Amino acid sequence: MSLLPTAAPTPNKDNKFMTDIKKFMNQKIRVKFDGGREDPNDSFVVTDKTRSIGLIVARGTSVALITPVEGTQEISNPFITEEK
């Protein structure tokens, strides 16, 4: 008697994410997590240093954004209005 499921797996809509993420294979990427801090005035956050991590496992809804390092540029926030 097998304890493993024997039925064929049903297609899952989450598989679309897995095929989309394959385009980032063997590329440097920038990953933003929910709840992350990016405050230059916070002494506990090192803003000028980065580190290379070979592999991460991010579970649940902790990943907010995945972008490639090459081919992107930073722009100013269009939603911030200057006060006069």
PDB file of N, CA and C in Angstrom:
ATOM      1  N   MET A   1       0.840  -1.171   0.000  1.00  0.00           N
ATOM      2  CA  MET A   1       0.000   0.000   0.000  1.00  0.00           C
ATOM      3  C   MET A   1       0.893   1.244   0.000  1.00  0.00           C
ATOM      4  N   SER A   2       0.614   2.165  -0.895  1.00  0.00           N
ATOM      5  CA  SER A   2       1.411   3.376  -1.022  1.00  0.00           C
ATOM      6  C   SER A   2       0.769   4.512  -0.237  1.00  0.00           C
ATOM      7  N   LEU A   3       1.589   5.247   0.466  1.00  0.00           N
ATOM      8  CA  LEU A   3       1.091   6.408   1.194  1.00  0.00           C
ATOM      9  C   LEU A   3       1.142   7.675   0.351  1.00  0.00           C
ATOM     10  N   LEU A   4       1.807   7.597  -0.787  1.00  0.00           N
ATOM     11  CA  LEU A   4       1.912   8.750  -1.668  1.00  0.00           C
ATOM     12  C   LEU A   4       0.683   8.834  -2.558  1.00  0.00           C
ATOM     13  N   PRO A   5       0.268  10.025  -2.942  1.00  0.00           N
ATOM     14  CA  PRO A   5      -0.886  10.136  -3.837  1.00  0.00           C
ATOM     15  C   PRO A   5      -0.564   9.513  -5.188  1.00  0.00           C
ATOM     16  N   THR A   6      -1.522   8.794  -5.731  1.00  0.00           N
ATOM     17  CA  THR A   6      -1.304   8.120  -7.012  1.00  0.00           C
ATOM     18  C   THR A   6      -2.035   8.800  -8.149  1.00  0.00           C
ATOM     19  N   ALA A   7      -2.915   9.728  -7.861  1.00  0.00           N
ATOM     20  CA  ALA A   7      -3.653  10.424  -8.910  1.00  0.00           C
ATOM     21  C   ALA A   7      -2.736  11.413  -9.612  1.00  0.00           C
ATOM     22  N   ALA A   8      -3.034  11.659 -10.869  1.00  0.00           N
ATOM     23  CA  ALA A   8      -2.256  12.636 -11.633  1.00  0.00           C
ATOM     24  C   ALA A   8      -2.492  14.019 -11.045  1.00  0.00           C
ATOM     25  N   PRO A   9      -1.444  14.838 -10.957  1.00  0.00           N
ATOM     26  CA  PRO A   9      -1.629  16.174 -10.386  1.00  0.00           C
ATOM     27  C   PRO A   9      -2.528  17.027 -11.269  1.00  0.00           C
ATOM     28  N   THR A  10      -3.361  17.815 -10.645  1.00  0.00           N
ATOM     29  CA  THR A  10      -4.242  18.704 -11.392  1.00  0.00           C
ATOM     30  C   THR A  10      -3.484  19.974 -11.737  1.00  0.00           C
ATOM     31  N   PRO A  11      -3.776  20.562 -12.894  1.00  0.00           N
ATOM     32  CA  PRO A  11      -3.087  21.810 -13.254  1.00  0.00           C
ATOM     33  C   PRO A  11      -3.388  22.891 -12.227  1.00  0.00           C
ATOM     34  N   ASN A  12      -2.364  23.615 -11.870  1.00  0.00           N
ATOM     35  CA  ASN A  12      -2.483  24.642 -10.845  1.00  0.00           C
ATOM     36  C   ASN A  12      -2.171  25.986 -11.480  1.00  0.00           C
ATOM     37  N   LYS A  13      -2.943  27.004 -11.158  1.00  0.00           N
ATOM     38  CA  LYS A  13      -2.695  28.310 -11.755  1.00  0.00           C
ATOM     39  C   LYS A  13      -1.393  28.930 -11.259  1.00  0.00           C
ATOM     40  N   ASP A  14      -0.831  28.427 -10.150  1.00  0.00           N
ATOM     41  CA  ASP A  14       0.448  28.929  -9.664  1.00  0.00           C
ATOM     42  C   ASP A  14       1.604  28.501 -10.560  1.00  0.00           C
ATOM     43  N   ASN A  15       1.405  27.510 -11.414  1.00  0.00           N
ATOM     44  CA  ASN A  15       2.458  27.074 -12.329  1.00  0.00           C
ATOM     45  C   ASN A  15       2.830  28.179 -13.308  1.00  0.00           C
ATOM     46  N   LYS A  16       1.919  29.097 -13.591  1.00  0.00           N
ATOM     47  CA  LYS A  16       2.218  30.218 -14.481  1.00  0.00           C
ATOM     48  C   LYS A  16       3.346  31.066 -13.895  1.00  0.00           C
ATOM     49  N   PHE A  17       3.328  31.266 -12.589  1.00  0.00           N
ATOM     50  CA  PHE A  17       4.394  32.025 -11.940  1.00  0.00           C
ATOM     51  C   PHE A  17       5.734  31.327 -12.115  1.00  0.00           C
ATOM     52  N   MET A  18       5.750  30.022 -11.986  1.00  0.00           N
ATOM     53  CA  MET A  18       6.999  29.275 -12.103  1.00  0.00           C
ATOM     54  C   MET A  18       7.571  29.376 -13.506  1.00  0.00           C
ATOM     55  N   THR A  19       6.737  29.389 -14.529  1.00  0.00           N
ATOM     56  CA  THR A  19       7.262  29.529 -15.887  1.00  0.00           C
ATOM     57  C   THR A  19       7.718  30.955 -16.140  1.00  0.00           C
ATOM     58  N   ASP A  20       7.055  31.939 -15.534  1.00  0.00           N
ATOM     59  CA  ASP A  20       7.481  33.328 -15.702  1.00  0.00           C
ATOM     60  C   ASP A  20       8.805  33.596 -15.001  1.00  0.00           C
ATOM     61  N   ILE A  21       9.040  32.957 -13.884  1.00  0.00           N
ATOM     62  CA  ILE A  21      10.267  33.211 -13.126  1.00  0.00           C
ATOM     63  C   ILE A  21      11.483  32.554 -13.779  1.00  0.00           C
ATOM     64  N   LYS A  22      11.261  31.607 -14.671  1.00  0.00           N
ATOM     65  CA  LYS A  22      12.381  30.936 -15.335  1.00  0.00           C
ATOM     66  C   LYS A  22      13.181  31.896 -16.212  1.00  0.00           C
ATOM     67  N   LYS A  23      12.582  32.999 -16.637  1.00  0.00           N
ATOM     68  CA  LYS A  23      13.323  33.955 -17.463  1.00  0.00           C
ATOM     69  C   LYS A  23      14.409  34.675 -16.666  1.00  0.00           C
ATOM     70  N   PHE A  24      14.383  34.573 -15.343  1.00  0.00           N
ATOM     71  CA  PHE A  24      15.403  35.189 -14.508  1.00  0.00           C
ATOM     72  C   PHE A  24      16.543  34.234 -14.170  1.00  0.00           C
ATOM     73  N   MET A  25      16.515  33.021 -14.689  1.00  0.00           N
ATOM     74  CA  MET A  25      17.570  32.045 -14.403  1.00  0.00           C
ATOM     75  C   MET A  25      18.909  32.562 -14.924  1.00  0.00           C
ATOM     76  N   ASN A  26      19.963  32.373 -14.141  1.00  0.00           N
ATOM     77  CA  ASN A  26      21.332  32.770 -14.489  1.00  0.00           C
ATOM     78  C   ASN A  26      21.464  34.268 -14.728  1.00  0.00           C
ATOM     79  N   GLN A  27      20.655  35.070 -14.063  1.00  0.00           N
ATOM     80  CA  GLN A  27      20.746  36.522 -14.127  1.00  0.00           C
ATOM     81  C   GLN A  27      20.814  37.067 -12.705  1.00  0.00           C
ATOM     82  N   LYS A  28      21.419  38.232 -12.574  1.00  0.00           N
ATOM     83  CA  LYS A  28      21.364  38.921 -11.290  1.00  0.00           C
ATOM     84  C   LYS A  28      20.003  39.592 -11.203  1.00  0.00           C
ATOM     85  N   ILE A  29      19.353  39.423 -10.058  1.00  0.00           N
ATOM     86  CA  ILE A  29      18.034  40.007  -9.858  1.00  0.00           C
ATOM     87  C   ILE A  29      18.008  40.791  -8.556  1.00  0.00           C
ATOM     88  N   ARG A  30      17.055  41.673  -8.466  1.00  0.00           N
ATOM     89  CA  ARG A  30      16.805  42.429  -7.240  1.00  0.00           C
ATOM     90  C   ARG A  30      15.452  41.956  -6.716  1.00  0.00           C
ATOM     91  N   VAL A  31      15.421  41.549  -5.463  1.00  0.00           N
ATOM     92  CA  VAL A  31      14.197  41.040  -4.845  1.00  0.00           C
ATOM     93  C   VAL A  31      13.802  41.975  -3.717  1.00  0.00           C
ATOM     94  N   LYS A  32      12.552  42.427  -3.730  1.00  0.00           N
ATOM     95  CA  LYS A  32      12.012  43.254  -2.648  1.00  0.00           C
ATOM     96  C   LYS A  32      11.023  42.421  -1.869  1.00  0.00           C
ATOM     97  N   PHE A  33      11.156  42.453  -0.553  1.00  0.00           N
ATOM     98  CA  PHE A  33      10.269  41.708   0.322  1.00  0.00           C
ATOM     99  C   PHE A  33       9.307  42.646   1.024  1.00  0.00           C
ATOM    100  N   ASP A  34       8.117  42.151   1.337  1.00  0.00           N
ATOM    101  CA  ASP A  34       7.163  42.926   2.132  1.00  0.00           C
ATOM    102  C   ASP A  34       7.749  43.187   3.508  1.00  0.00           C
ATOM    103  N   GLY A  35       7.514  44.377   4.019  1.00  0.00           N
ATOM    104  CA  GLY A  35       7.995  44.712   5.354  1.00  0.00           C
ATOM    105  C   GLY A  35       9.452  45.121   5.393  1.00  0.00           C
ATOM    106  N   GLY A  36      10.101  45.234   4.233  1.00  0.00           N
ATOM    107  CA  GLY A  36      11.501  45.636   4.200  1.00  0.00           C
ATOM    108  C   GLY A  36      11.659  47.110   4.507  1.00  0.00           C
ATOM    109  N   ARG A  37      12.809  47.467   5.035  1.00  0.00           N
ATOM    110  CA  ARG A  37      13.077  48.869   5.360  1.00  0.00           C
ATOM    111  C   ARG A  37      14.084  49.422   4.368  1.00  0.00           C
ATOM    112  N   GLU A  38      13.836  50.623   3.915  1.00  0.00           N
ATOM    113  CA  GLU A  38      14.771  51.325   3.038  1.00  0.00           C
ATOM    114  C   GLU A  38      14.933  52.756   3.518  1.00  0.00           C
ATOM    115  N   ASP A  39      15.154  52.935   4.788  1.00  0.00           N
ATOM    116  CA  ASP A  39      15.267  54.263   5.372  1.00  0.00           C
ATOM    117  C   ASP A  39      16.734  54.633   5.522  1.00  0.00           C
ATOM    118  N   PRO A  40      17.237  55.633   4.769  1.00  0.00           N
ATOM    119  CA  PRO A  40      18.646  56.002   4.889  1.00  0.00           C
ATOM    120  C   PRO A  40      18.994  56.597   6.249  1.00  0.00           C
ATOM    121  N   ASN A  41      18.012  57.034   7.023  1.00  0.00           N
ATOM    122  CA  ASN A  41      18.270  57.592   8.345  1.00  0.00           C
ATOM    123  C   ASN A  41      18.278  56.537   9.445  1.00  0.00           C
ATOM    124  N   ASP A  42      17.943  55.307   9.095  1.00  0.00           N
ATOM    125  CA  ASP A  42      17.928  54.226  10.084  1.00  0.00           C
ATOM    126  C   ASP A  42      19.339  53.667  10.202  1.00  0.00           C
ATOM    127  N   SER A  43      19.905  53.749  11.381  1.00  0.00           N
ATOM    128  CA  SER A  43      21.293  53.315  11.567  1.00  0.00           C
ATOM    129  C   SER A  43      21.446  51.802  11.524  1.00  0.00           C
ATOM    130  N   PHE A  44      20.366  51.067  11.598  1.00  0.00           N
ATOM    131  CA  PHE A  44      20.444  49.610  11.560  1.00  0.00           C
ATOM    132  C   PHE A  44      20.423  49.058  10.139  1.00  0.00           C
ATOM    133  N   VAL A  45      20.177  49.901   9.150  1.00  0.00           N
ATOM    134  CA  VAL A  45      20.123  49.462   7.760  1.00  0.00           C
ATOM    135  C   VAL A  45      21.384  49.932   7.050  1.00  0.00           C
ATOM    136  N   VAL A  46      22.123  49.020   6.461  1.00  0.00           N
ATOM    137  CA  VAL A  46      23.308  49.370   5.681  1.00  0.00           C
ATOM    138  C   VAL A  46      22.844  49.594   4.249  1.00  0.00           C
ATOM    139  N   THR A  47      22.943  50.845   3.758  1.00  0.00           N
ATOM    140  CA  THR A  47      22.384  51.162   2.450  1.00  0.00           C
ATOM    141  C   THR A  47      23.393  51.068   1.316  1.00  0.00           C
ATOM    142  N   ASP A  48      24.683  51.181   1.596  1.00  0.00           N
ATOM    143  CA  ASP A  48      25.668  51.194   0.521  1.00  0.00           C
ATOM    144  C   ASP A  48      26.237  49.823   0.202  1.00  0.00           C
ATOM    145  N   LYS A  49      25.983  48.847   1.016  1.00  0.00           N
ATOM    146  CA  LYS A  49      26.565  47.528   0.804  1.00  0.00           C
ATOM    147  C   LYS A  49      25.498  46.547   0.335  1.00  0.00           C
ATOM    148  N   THR A  50      25.904  45.686  -0.578  1.00  0.00           N
ATOM    149  CA  THR A  50      25.029  44.606  -1.025  1.00  0.00           C
ATOM    150  C   THR A  50      25.775  43.300  -0.862  1.00  0.00           C
ATOM    151  N   ARG A  51      25.056  42.217  -0.904  1.00  0.00           N
ATOM    152  CA  ARG A  51      25.711  40.918  -0.848  1.00  0.00           C
ATOM    153  C   ARG A  51      25.035  39.983  -1.831  1.00  0.00           C
ATOM    154  N   SER A  52      25.816  39.086  -2.348  1.00  0.00           N
ATOM    155  CA  SER A  52      25.316  38.128  -3.321  1.00  0.00           C
ATOM    156  C   SER A  52      24.888  36.865  -2.587  1.00  0.00           C
ATOM    157  N   ILE A  53      23.657  36.466  -2.800  1.00  0.00           N
ATOM    158  CA  ILE A  53      23.134  35.247  -2.197  1.00  0.00           C
ATOM    159  C   ILE A  53      22.869  34.275  -3.337  1.00  0.00           C
ATOM    160  N   GLY A  54      23.433  33.097  -3.239  1.00  0.00           N
ATOM    161  CA  GLY A  54      23.279  32.126  -4.320  1.00  0.00           C
ATOM    162  C   GLY A  54      21.870  31.605  -4.480  1.00  0.00           C
ATOM    163  N   LEU A  55      21.194  31.322  -3.377  1.00  0.00           N
ATOM    164  CA  LEU A  55      19.864  30.730  -3.435  1.00  0.00           C
ATOM    165  C   LEU A  55      19.070  31.194  -2.231  1.00  0.00           C
ATOM    166  N   ILE A  56      17.825  31.575  -2.477  1.00  0.00           N
ATOM    167  CA  ILE A  56      16.935  31.912  -1.375  1.00  0.00           C
ATOM    168  C   ILE A  56      15.653  31.107  -1.523  1.00  0.00           C
ATOM    169  N   VAL A  57      14.995  30.906  -0.421  1.00  0.00           N
ATOM    170  CA  VAL A  57      13.671  30.294  -0.424  1.00  0.00           C
ATOM    171  C   VAL A  57      12.747  31.292   0.249  1.00  0.00           C
ATOM    172  N   ALA A  58      11.806  31.829  -0.509  1.00  0.00           N
ATOM    173  CA  ALA A  58      10.863  32.813   0.014  1.00  0.00           C
ATOM    174  C   ALA A  58       9.480  32.186  -0.016  1.00  0.00           C
ATOM    175  N   ARG A  59       8.883  32.055   1.142  1.00  0.00           N
ATOM    176  CA  ARG A  59       7.594  31.385   1.242  1.00  0.00           C
ATOM    177  C   ARG A  59       6.473  32.389   1.434  1.00  0.00           C
ATOM    178  N   GLY A  60       5.302  31.989   0.999  1.00  0.00           N
ATOM    179  CA  GLY A  60       4.114  32.794   1.231  1.00  0.00           C
ATOM    180  C   GLY A  60       4.094  34.042   0.372  1.00  0.00           C
ATOM    181  N   THR A  61       3.598  35.108   0.933  1.00  0.00           N
ATOM    182  CA  THR A  61       3.449  36.363   0.193  1.00  0.00           C
ATOM    183  C   THR A  61       4.539  37.356   0.557  1.00  0.00           C
ATOM    184  N   SER A  62       5.710  36.874   0.934  1.00  0.00           N
ATOM    185  CA  SER A  62       6.771  37.774   1.383  1.00  0.00           C
ATOM    186  C   SER A  62       7.464  38.498   0.235  1.00  0.00           C
ATOM    187  N   VAL A  63       7.399  37.988  -0.983  1.00  0.00           N
ATOM    188  CA  VAL A  63       8.054  38.631  -2.122  1.00  0.00           C
ATOM    189  C   VAL A  63       7.111  39.669  -2.719  1.00  0.00           C
ATOM    190  N   ALA A  64       7.562  40.913  -2.784  1.00  0.00           N
ATOM    191  CA  ALA A  64       6.753  41.986  -3.341  1.00  0.00           C
ATOM    192  C   ALA A  64       7.114  42.265  -4.794  1.00  0.00           C
ATOM    193  N   LEU A  65       8.396  42.095  -5.165  1.00  0.00           N
ATOM    194  CA  LEU A  65       8.844  42.470  -6.500  1.00  0.00           C
ATOM    195  C   LEU A  65      10.110  41.716  -6.859  1.00  0.00           C
ATOM    196  N   ILE A  66      10.193  41.252  -8.103  1.00  0.00           N
ATOM    197  CA  ILE A  66      11.411  40.647  -8.637  1.00  0.00           C
ATOM    198  C   ILE A  66      11.727  41.365  -9.940  1.00  0.00           C
ATOM    199  N   THR A  67      12.921  41.965 -10.026  1.00  0.00           N
ATOM    200  CA  THR A  67      13.326  42.658 -11.246  1.00  0.00           C
ATOM    201  C   THR A  67      14.757  42.287 -11.588  1.00  0.00           C
ATOM    202  N   PRO A  68      15.090  42.242 -12.882  1.00  0.00           N
ATOM    203  CA  PRO A  68      16.485  41.995 -13.251  1.00  0.00           C
ATOM    204  C   PRO A  68      17.328  43.233 -12.971  1.00  0.00           C
ATOM    205  N   VAL A  69      18.596  43.034 -12.630  1.00  0.00           N
ATOM    206  CA  VAL A  69      19.491  44.158 -12.370  1.00  0.00           C
ATOM    207  C   VAL A  69      19.842  44.849 -13.683  1.00  0.00           C
ATOM    208  N   GLU A  70      20.157  44.068 -14.701  1.00  0.00           N
ATOM    209  CA  GLU A  70      20.503  44.621 -16.010  1.00  0.00           C
ATOM    210  C   GLU A  70      19.228  44.952 -16.789  1.00  0.00           C
ATOM    211  N   GLY A  71      19.234  46.071 -17.483  1.00  0.00           N
ATOM    212  CA  GLY A  71      18.110  46.431 -18.334  1.00  0.00           C
ATOM    213  C   GLY A  71      17.018  47.219 -17.637  1.00  0.00           C
ATOM    214  N   THR A  72      17.255  47.653 -16.413  1.00  0.00           N
ATOM    215  CA  THR A  72      16.271  48.480 -15.721  1.00  0.00           C
ATOM    216  C   THR A  72      16.940  49.772 -15.279  1.00  0.00           C
ATOM    217  N   GLN A  73      16.136  50.785 -15.076  1.00  0.00           N
ATOM    218  CA  GLN A  73      16.668  52.048 -14.579  1.00  0.00           C
ATOM    219  C   GLN A  73      15.733  52.593 -13.511  1.00  0.00           C
ATOM    220  N   GLU A  74      16.296  53.315 -12.570  1.00  0.00           N
ATOM    221  CA  GLU A  74      15.516  53.884 -11.483  1.00  0.00           C
ATOM    222  C   GLU A  74      14.971  55.233 -11.915  1.00  0.00           C
ATOM    223  N   ILE A  75      13.697  55.475 -11.629  1.00  0.00           N
ATOM    224  CA  ILE A  75      13.078  56.760 -11.946  1.00  0.00           C
ATOM    225  C   ILE A  75      12.555  57.374 -10.653  1.00  0.00           C
ATOM    226  N   SER A  76      12.298  58.670 -10.694  1.00  0.00           N
ATOM    227  CA  SER A  76      11.745  59.329  -9.510  1.00  0.00           C
ATOM    228  C   SER A  76      10.280  58.923  -9.346  1.00  0.00           C
ATOM    229  N   ASN A  77       9.801  59.019  -8.132  1.00  0.00           N
ATOM    230  CA  ASN A  77       8.430  58.637  -7.827  1.00  0.00           C
ATOM    231  C   ASN A  77       7.476  59.679  -8.401  1.00  0.00           C
ATOM    232  N   PRO A  78       6.602  59.300  -9.341  1.00  0.00           N
ATOM    233  CA  PRO A  78       5.693  60.284  -9.938  1.00  0.00           C
ATOM    234  C   PRO A  78       4.541  60.670  -9.017  1.00  0.00           C
ATOM    235  N   PHE A  79       4.365  59.965  -7.914  1.00  0.00           N
ATOM    236  CA  PHE A  79       3.249  60.230  -7.022  1.00  0.00           C
ATOM    237  C   PHE A  79       3.598  61.193  -5.897  1.00  0.00           C
ATOM    238  N   ILE A  80       4.866  61.551  -5.766  1.00  0.00           N
ATOM    239  CA  ILE A  80       5.270  62.512  -4.743  1.00  0.00           C
ATOM    240  C   ILE A  80       5.190  63.907  -5.345  1.00  0.00           C
ATOM    241  N   THR A  81       4.431  64.774  -4.708  1.00  0.00           N
ATOM    242  CA  THR A  81       4.316  66.151  -5.185  1.00  0.00           C
ATOM    243  C   THR A  81       5.157  67.051  -4.304  1.00  0.00           C
ATOM    244  N   GLU A  82       5.784  68.023  -4.925  1.00  0.00           N
ATOM    245  CA  GLU A  82       6.609  68.964  -4.175  1.00  0.00           C
ATOM    246  C   GLU A  82       5.715  70.012  -3.530  1.00  0.00           C
ATOM    247  N   GLU A  83       5.974  70.274  -2.257  1.00  0.00           N
ATOM    248  CA  GLU A  83       5.206  71.296  -1.549  1.00  0.00           C
ATOM    249  C   GLU A  83       5.876  72.644  -1.732  1.00  0.00           C
ATOM    250  N   LYS A  84       5.075  73.687  -1.949  1.00  0.00           N
ATOM    251  CA  LYS A  84       5.614  75.033  -2.141  1.00  0.00           C
ATOM    252  C   LYS A  84       5.256  75.902  -0.979  1.00  0.00           C
TER     253      LYS A  84
END
